[in-house]
Every structure is written in structure tokens, then in C-alpha cells.
Amino acid sequence: MSYITVTEEQAELILSGNQTIEVRDAGGRVLGHIPPPIPPEEIALAKASKLSNGPRYSFDQVLAHLRSLESQ
């Protein structure tokens, strides 16, 4: 895997942001996007949900249900 080391200032911007950051070269060409970090609370909620005994639905099941609602 290749990597690029960012400056401390860039790292702070990436880690403190709550929006997607667009990465550009010196000429303004878009190189990529960095999504905001996932908040720890959201990670904890996802882990708790994973451990629950509630129902789980696959993507296909959810899509089929949504399509059935459209036809009503």
C-alpha cells in the first residue's frame, strides 16, 4: 500500500472536520476525498446494535420492501 504523510496542520484539519475534505494537487486537480472521522458514539452504537438480538435484514430484503411500498 502506498501512503502520503501529511503535516501536523493537515492532520488536525482532517481529524477535526465534520465534513468530507477534498484533496487537490497544486494545480487544483481533485485527487480524492477524505470522509470525516466516525464519532466514537456512533461506533459504540453500531457495536451495541450488532450484539442485540433484534431482527436483521439484508440489503436485498430492504430493497424488496421499499419497492413493495412504491407499488402501493
PDB file of N, CA and C in Angstrom:
ATOM      1  N   MET A   1       0.840  -1.163   0.000  1.00  0.00           N
ATOM      2  CA  MET A   1       0.000   0.000   0.000  1.00  0.00           C
ATOM      3  C   MET A   1       0.893   1.236   0.000  1.00  0.00           C
ATOM      4  N   SER A   2       0.509   2.201  -0.778  1.00  0.00           N
ATOM      5  CA  SER A   2       1.211   3.484  -0.799  1.00  0.00           C
ATOM      6  C   SER A   2       0.596   4.406   0.244  1.00  0.00           C
ATOM      7  N   TYR A   3       1.378   5.366   0.701  1.00  0.00           N
ATOM      8  CA  TYR A   3       0.839   6.329   1.653  1.00  0.00           C
ATOM      9  C   TYR A   3       1.509   7.676   1.465  1.00  0.00           C
ATOM     10  N   ILE A   4       0.842   8.702   1.972  1.00  0.00           N
ATOM     11  CA  ILE A   4       1.360  10.064   1.945  1.00  0.00           C
ATOM     12  C   ILE A   4       1.329  10.574   3.377  1.00  0.00           C
ATOM     13  N   THR A   5       2.427  11.141   3.838  1.00  0.00           N
ATOM     14  CA  THR A   5       2.480  11.711   5.181  1.00  0.00           C
ATOM     15  C   THR A   5       2.044  13.169   5.111  1.00  0.00           C
ATOM     16  N   VAL A   6       1.065  13.518   5.936  1.00  0.00           N
ATOM     17  CA  VAL A   6       0.563  14.890   5.947  1.00  0.00           C
ATOM     18  C   VAL A   6       1.250  15.676   7.060  1.00  0.00           C
ATOM     19  N   THR A   7       1.187  16.985   6.957  1.00  0.00           N
ATOM     20  CA  THR A   7       1.752  17.842   8.002  1.00  0.00           C
ATOM     21  C   THR A   7       0.844  17.800   9.228  1.00  0.00           C
ATOM     22  N   GLU A   8       1.345  18.295  10.353  1.00  0.00           N
ATOM     23  CA  GLU A   8       0.529  18.355  11.576  1.00  0.00           C
ATOM     24  C   GLU A   8      -0.729  19.186  11.340  1.00  0.00           C
ATOM     25  N   GLU A   9      -0.571  20.299  10.632  1.00  0.00           N
ATOM     26  CA  GLU A   9      -1.708  21.176  10.339  1.00  0.00           C
ATOM     27  C   GLU A   9      -2.757  20.437   9.502  1.00  0.00           C
ATOM     28  N   GLN A  10      -2.309  19.704   8.498  1.00  0.00           N
ATOM     29  CA  GLN A  10      -3.236  18.944   7.663  1.00  0.00           C
ATOM     30  C   GLN A  10      -3.919  17.844   8.469  1.00  0.00           C
ATOM     31  N   ALA A  11      -3.166  17.175   9.332  1.00  0.00           N
ATOM     32  CA  ALA A  11      -3.739  16.115  10.165  1.00  0.00           C
ATOM     33  C   ALA A  11      -4.819  16.674  11.080  1.00  0.00           C
ATOM     34  N   GLU A  12      -4.571  17.838  11.673  1.00  0.00           N
ATOM     35  CA  GLU A  12      -5.573  18.472  12.535  1.00  0.00           C
ATOM     36  C   GLU A  12      -6.837  18.782  11.757  1.00  0.00           C
ATOM     37  N   LEU A  13      -6.683  19.300  10.550  1.00  0.00           N
ATOM     38  CA  LEU A  13      -7.831  19.621   9.711  1.00  0.00           C
ATOM     39  C   LEU A  13      -8.630  18.361   9.387  1.00  0.00           C
ATOM     40  N   ILE A  14      -7.951  17.301   9.044  1.00  0.00           N
ATOM     41  CA  ILE A  14      -8.615  16.041   8.700  1.00  0.00           C
ATOM     42  C   ILE A  14      -9.358  15.475   9.904  1.00  0.00           C
ATOM     43  N   LEU A  15      -8.716  15.463  11.061  1.00  0.00           N
ATOM     44  CA  LEU A  15      -9.299  14.839  12.248  1.00  0.00           C
ATOM     45  C   LEU A  15     -10.363  15.689  12.925  1.00  0.00           C
ATOM     46  N   SER A  16     -10.306  16.998  12.761  1.00  0.00           N
ATOM     47  CA  SER A  16     -11.269  17.860  13.443  1.00  0.00           C
ATOM     48  C   SER A  16     -12.486  18.166  12.583  1.00  0.00           C
ATOM     49  N   GLY A  17     -12.434  17.832  11.335  1.00  0.00           N
ATOM     50  CA  GLY A  17     -13.527  18.169  10.437  1.00  0.00           C
ATOM     51  C   GLY A  17     -14.757  17.310  10.635  1.00  0.00           C
ATOM     52  N   ASN A  18     -15.911  17.868  10.290  1.00  0.00           N
ATOM     53  CA  ASN A  18     -17.145  17.098  10.307  1.00  0.00           C
ATOM     54  C   ASN A  18     -17.755  17.048   8.911  1.00  0.00           C
ATOM     55  N   GLN A  19     -16.925  17.379   7.937  1.00  0.00           N
ATOM     56  CA  GLN A  19     -17.341  17.325   6.539  1.00  0.00           C
ATOM     57  C   GLN A  19     -16.275  16.591   5.737  1.00  0.00           C
ATOM     58  N   THR A  20     -16.653  16.122   4.571  1.00  0.00           N
ATOM     59  CA  THR A  20     -15.695  15.489   3.675  1.00  0.00           C
ATOM     60  C   THR A  20     -14.695  16.536   3.201  1.00  0.00           C
ATOM     61  N   ILE A  21     -13.432  16.155   3.168  1.00  0.00           N
ATOM     62  CA  ILE A  21     -12.370  17.059   2.726  1.00  0.00           C
ATOM     63  C   ILE A  21     -11.939  16.649   1.323  1.00  0.00           C
ATOM     64  N   GLU A  22     -11.916  17.622   0.415  1.00  0.00           N
ATOM     65  CA  GLU A  22     -11.471  17.371  -0.949  1.00  0.00           C
ATOM     66  C   GLU A  22      -9.969  17.621  -1.007  1.00  0.00           C
ATOM     67  N   VAL A  23      -9.225  16.653  -1.516  1.00  0.00           N
ATOM     68  CA  VAL A  23      -7.768  16.762  -1.618  1.00  0.00           C
ATOM     69  C   VAL A  23      -7.426  17.139  -3.059  1.00  0.00           C
ATOM     70  N   ARG A  24      -6.617  18.197  -3.207  1.00  0.00           N
ATOM     71  CA  ARG A  24      -6.246  18.689  -4.541  1.00  0.00           C
ATOM     72  C   ARG A  24      -4.732  18.817  -4.656  1.00  0.00           C
ATOM     73  N   ASP A  25      -4.239  18.748  -5.887  1.00  0.00           N
ATOM     74  CA  ASP A  25      -2.814  18.999  -6.107  1.00  0.00           C
ATOM     75  C   ASP A  25      -2.610  20.502  -6.261  1.00  0.00           C
ATOM     76  N   ALA A  26      -1.363  20.916  -6.467  1.00  0.00           N
ATOM     77  CA  ALA A  26      -1.043  22.344  -6.552  1.00  0.00           C
ATOM     78  C   ALA A  26      -1.763  23.035  -7.704  1.00  0.00           C
ATOM     79  N   GLY A  27      -2.119  22.280  -8.740  1.00  0.00           N
ATOM     80  CA  GLY A  27      -2.821  22.847  -9.885  1.00  0.00           C
ATOM     81  C   GLY A  27      -4.326  22.888  -9.721  1.00  0.00           C
ATOM     82  N   GLY A  28      -4.828  22.386  -8.596  1.00  0.00           N
ATOM     83  CA  GLY A  28      -6.267  22.406  -8.353  1.00  0.00           C
ATOM     84  C   GLY A  28      -6.997  21.145  -8.778  1.00  0.00           C
ATOM     85  N   ARG A  29      -6.265  20.175  -9.322  1.00  0.00           N
ATOM     86  CA  ARG A  29      -6.895  18.925  -9.765  1.00  0.00           C
ATOM     87  C   ARG A  29      -7.308  18.103  -8.541  1.00  0.00           C
ATOM     88  N   VAL A  30      -8.546  17.620  -8.549  1.00  0.00           N
ATOM     89  CA  VAL A  30      -9.045  16.823  -7.430  1.00  0.00           C
ATOM     90  C   VAL A  30      -8.377  15.455  -7.451  1.00  0.00           C
ATOM     91  N   LEU A  31      -7.770  15.095  -6.317  1.00  0.00           N
ATOM     92  CA  LEU A  31      -7.085  13.810  -6.192  1.00  0.00           C
ATOM     93  C   LEU A  31      -7.919  12.790  -5.428  1.00  0.00           C
ATOM     94  N   GLY A  32      -8.785  13.271  -4.590  1.00  0.00           N
ATOM     95  CA  GLY A  32      -9.598  12.349  -3.799  1.00  0.00           C
ATOM     96  C   GLY A  32     -10.376  13.080  -2.730  1.00  0.00           C
ATOM     97  N   HIS A  33     -11.062  12.291  -1.915  1.00  0.00           N
ATOM     98  CA  HIS A  33     -11.876  12.830  -0.834  1.00  0.00           C
ATOM     99  C   HIS A  33     -11.597  12.040   0.441  1.00  0.00           C
ATOM    100  N   ILE A  34     -11.569  12.744   1.562  1.00  0.00           N
ATOM    101  CA  ILE A  34     -11.374  12.105   2.860  1.00  0.00           C
ATOM    102  C   ILE A  34     -12.654  12.322   3.655  1.00  0.00           C
ATOM    103  N   PRO A  35     -13.368  11.240   3.984  1.00  0.00           N
ATOM    104  CA  PRO A  35     -14.597  11.408   4.770  1.00  0.00           C
ATOM    105  C   PRO A  35     -14.257  11.807   6.199  1.00  0.00           C
ATOM    106  N   PRO A  36     -15.215  12.436   6.895  1.00  0.00           N
ATOM    107  CA  PRO A  36     -14.940  12.809   8.285  1.00  0.00           C
ATOM    108  C   PRO A  36     -14.789  11.564   9.153  1.00  0.00           C
ATOM    109  N   PRO A  37     -14.046  11.682  10.252  1.00  0.00           N
ATOM    110  CA  PRO A  37     -13.905  10.534  11.149  1.00  0.00           C
ATOM    111  C   PRO A  37     -15.268  10.152  11.735  1.00  0.00           C
ATOM    112  N   ILE A  38     -15.463   8.876  11.990  1.00  0.00           N
ATOM    113  CA  ILE A  38     -16.714   8.418  12.598  1.00  0.00           C
ATOM    114  C   ILE A  38     -16.631   8.703  14.097  1.00  0.00           C
ATOM    115  N   PRO A  39     -17.635   9.408  14.643  1.00  0.00           N
ATOM    116  CA  PRO A  39     -17.602   9.725  16.075  1.00  0.00           C
ATOM    117  C   PRO A  39     -17.622   8.450  16.930  1.00  0.00           C
ATOM    118  N   PRO A  40     -16.902   8.445  18.051  1.00  0.00           N
ATOM    119  CA  PRO A  40     -16.864   7.264  18.923  1.00  0.00           C
ATOM    120  C   PRO A  40     -18.256   6.807  19.374  1.00  0.00           C
ATOM    121  N   GLU A  41     -19.176   7.764  19.576  1.00  0.00           N
ATOM    122  CA  GLU A  41     -20.537   7.406  19.990  1.00  0.00           C
ATOM    123  C   GLU A  41     -21.225   6.563  18.925  1.00  0.00           C
ATOM    124  N   GLU A  42     -21.001   6.919  17.668  1.00  0.00           N
ATOM    125  CA  GLU A  42     -21.613   6.186  16.562  1.00  0.00           C
ATOM    126  C   GLU A  42     -21.036   4.773  16.467  1.00  0.00           C
ATOM    127  N   ILE A  43     -19.753   4.635  16.708  1.00  0.00           N
ATOM    128  CA  ILE A  43     -19.114   3.317  16.703  1.00  0.00           C
ATOM    129  C   ILE A  43     -19.671   2.470  17.837  1.00  0.00           C
ATOM    130  N   ALA A  44     -19.814   3.065  19.031  1.00  0.00           N
ATOM    131  CA  ALA A  44     -20.365   2.338  20.180  1.00  0.00           C
ATOM    132  C   ALA A  44     -21.791   1.891  19.906  1.00  0.00           C
ATOM    133  N   LEU A  45     -22.593   2.746  19.286  1.00  0.00           N
ATOM    134  CA  LEU A  45     -23.972   2.402  18.955  1.00  0.00           C
ATOM    135  C   LEU A  45     -24.017   1.246  17.963  1.00  0.00           C
ATOM    136  N   ALA A  46     -23.153   1.271  16.968  1.00  0.00           N
ATOM    137  CA  ALA A  46     -23.108   0.195  15.971  1.00  0.00           C
ATOM    138  C   ALA A  46     -22.698  -1.127  16.616  1.00  0.00           C
ATOM    139  N   LYS A  47     -21.727  -1.076  17.529  1.00  0.00           N
ATOM    140  CA  LYS A  47     -21.295  -2.298  18.216  1.00  0.00           C
ATOM    141  C   LYS A  47     -22.411  -2.859  19.086  1.00  0.00           C
ATOM    142  N   ALA A  48     -23.126  -1.983  19.791  1.00  0.00           N
ATOM    143  CA  ALA A  48     -24.234  -2.426  20.637  1.00  0.00           C
ATOM    144  C   ALA A  48     -25.343  -3.025  19.787  1.00  0.00           C
ATOM    145  N   SER A  49     -25.616  -2.410  18.657  1.00  0.00           N
ATOM    146  CA  SER A  49     -26.654  -2.910  17.757  1.00  0.00           C
ATOM    147  C   SER A  49     -26.285  -4.284  17.221  1.00  0.00           C
ATOM    148  N   LYS A  50     -25.022  -4.473  16.925  1.00  0.00           N
ATOM    149  CA  LYS A  50     -24.549  -5.757  16.406  1.00  0.00           C
ATOM    150  C   LYS A  50     -24.750  -6.874  17.429  1.00  0.00           C
ATOM    151  N   LEU A  51     -24.615  -6.544  18.708  1.00  0.00           N
ATOM    152  CA  LEU A  51     -24.750  -7.536  19.768  1.00  0.00           C
ATOM    153  C   LEU A  51     -26.201  -7.798  20.160  1.00  0.00           C
ATOM    154  N   SER A  52     -27.126  -6.947  19.715  1.00  0.00           N
ATOM    155  CA  SER A  52     -28.528  -7.108  20.102  1.00  0.00           C
ATOM    156  C   SER A  52     -29.146  -8.310  19.388  1.00  0.00           C
ATOM    157  N   ASN A  53     -30.260  -8.758  19.930  1.00  0.00           N
ATOM    158  CA  ASN A  53     -30.971  -9.896  19.341  1.00  0.00           C
ATOM    159  C   ASN A  53     -32.095  -9.447  18.423  1.00  0.00           C
ATOM    160  N   GLY A  54     -32.102  -8.193  18.047  1.00  0.00           N
ATOM    161  CA  GLY A  54     -33.151  -7.669  17.177  1.00  0.00           C
ATOM    162  C   GLY A  54     -33.063  -8.253  15.777  1.00  0.00           C
ATOM    163  N   PRO A  55     -34.115  -8.031  14.982  1.00  0.00           N
ATOM    164  CA  PRO A  55     -34.117  -8.580  13.620  1.00  0.00           C
ATOM    165  C   PRO A  55     -33.050  -7.917  12.755  1.00  0.00           C
ATOM    166  N   ARG A  56     -32.560  -8.665  11.806  1.00  0.00           N
ATOM    167  CA  ARG A  56     -31.580  -8.157  10.850  1.00  0.00           C
ATOM    168  C   ARG A  56     -32.123  -8.410   9.442  1.00  0.00           C
ATOM    169  N   TYR A  57     -31.870  -7.456   8.566  1.00  0.00           N
ATOM    170  CA  TYR A  57     -32.364  -7.555   7.200  1.00  0.00           C
ATOM    171  C   TYR A  57     -31.214  -7.302   6.237  1.00  0.00           C
ATOM    172  N   SER A  58     -31.161  -8.098   5.192  1.00  0.00           N
ATOM    173  CA  SER A  58     -30.131  -7.910   4.176  1.00  0.00           C
ATOM    174  C   SER A  58     -30.498  -6.713   3.302  1.00  0.00           C
ATOM    175  N   PHE A  59     -29.538  -6.255   2.541  1.00  0.00           N
ATOM    176  CA  PHE A  59     -29.786  -5.158   1.607  1.00  0.00           C
ATOM    177  C   PHE A  59     -30.906  -5.529   0.647  1.00  0.00           C
ATOM    178  N   ASP A  60     -30.868  -6.758   0.135  1.00  0.00           N
ATOM    179  CA  ASP A  60     -31.894  -7.204  -0.812  1.00  0.00           C
ATOM    180  C   ASP A  60     -33.276  -7.214  -0.175  1.00  0.00           C
ATOM    181  N   GLN A  61     -33.369  -7.616   1.093  1.00  0.00           N
ATOM    182  CA  GLN A  61     -34.658  -7.622   1.783  1.00  0.00           C
ATOM    183  C   GLN A  61     -35.195  -6.199   1.951  1.00  0.00           C
ATOM    184  N   VAL A  62     -34.331  -5.285   2.325  1.00  0.00           N
ATOM    185  CA  VAL A  62     -34.752  -3.895   2.497  1.00  0.00           C
ATOM    186  C   VAL A  62     -35.184  -3.312   1.160  1.00  0.00           C
ATOM    187  N   LEU A  63     -34.426  -3.566   0.117  1.00  0.00           N
ATOM    188  CA  LEU A  63     -34.756  -3.061  -1.213  1.00  0.00           C
ATOM    189  C   LEU A  63     -36.094  -3.615  -1.686  1.00  0.00           C
ATOM    190  N   ALA A  64     -36.329  -4.901  -1.477  1.00  0.00           N
ATOM    191  CA  ALA A  64     -37.603  -5.509  -1.868  1.00  0.00           C
ATOM    192  C   ALA A  64     -38.754  -4.861  -1.106  1.00  0.00           C
ATOM    193  N   HIS A  65     -38.558  -4.601   0.165  1.00  0.00           N
ATOM    194  CA  HIS A  65     -39.606  -3.959   0.963  1.00  0.00           C
ATOM    195  C   HIS A  65     -39.889  -2.548   0.448  1.00  0.00           C
ATOM    196  N   LEU A  66     -38.846  -1.785   0.157  1.00  0.00           N
ATOM    197  CA  LEU A  66     -39.039  -0.430  -0.358  1.00  0.00           C
ATOM    198  C   LEU A  66     -39.752  -0.443  -1.704  1.00  0.00           C
ATOM    199  N   ARG A  67     -39.410  -1.386  -2.540  1.00  0.00           N
ATOM    200  CA  ARG A  67     -40.089  -1.492  -3.845  1.00  0.00           C
ATOM    201  C   ARG A  67     -41.554  -1.850  -3.662  1.00  0.00           C
ATOM    202  N   SER A  68     -41.853  -2.694  -2.685  1.00  0.00           N
ATOM    203  CA  SER A  68     -43.254  -3.059  -2.440  1.00  0.00           C
ATOM    204  C   SER A  68     -44.045  -1.842  -1.963  1.00  0.00           C
ATOM    205  N   LEU A  69     -43.408  -0.946  -1.239  1.00  0.00           N
ATOM    206  CA  LEU A  69     -44.087   0.269  -0.786  1.00  0.00           C
ATOM    207  C   LEU A  69     -44.363   1.215  -1.948  1.00  0.00           C
ATOM    208  N   GLU A  70     -43.456   1.253  -2.926  1.00  0.00           N
ATOM    209  CA  GLU A  70     -43.647   2.115  -4.098  1.00  0.00           C
ATOM    210  C   GLU A  70     -44.851   1.685  -4.917  1.00  0.00           C
ATOM    211  N   SER A  71     -45.117   0.391  -4.968  1.00  0.00           N
ATOM    212  CA  SER A  71     -46.204  -0.111  -5.812  1.00  0.00           C
ATOM    213  C   SER A  71     -47.566   0.009  -5.138  1.00  0.00           C
ATOM    214  N   GLN A  72     -47.607   0.466  -3.916  1.00  0.00           N
ATOM    215  CA  GLN A  72     -48.898   0.611  -3.210  1.00  0.00           C
ATOM    216  C   GLN A  72     -49.571   1.906  -3.558  1.00  0.00           C
TER     217      GLN A  72
END
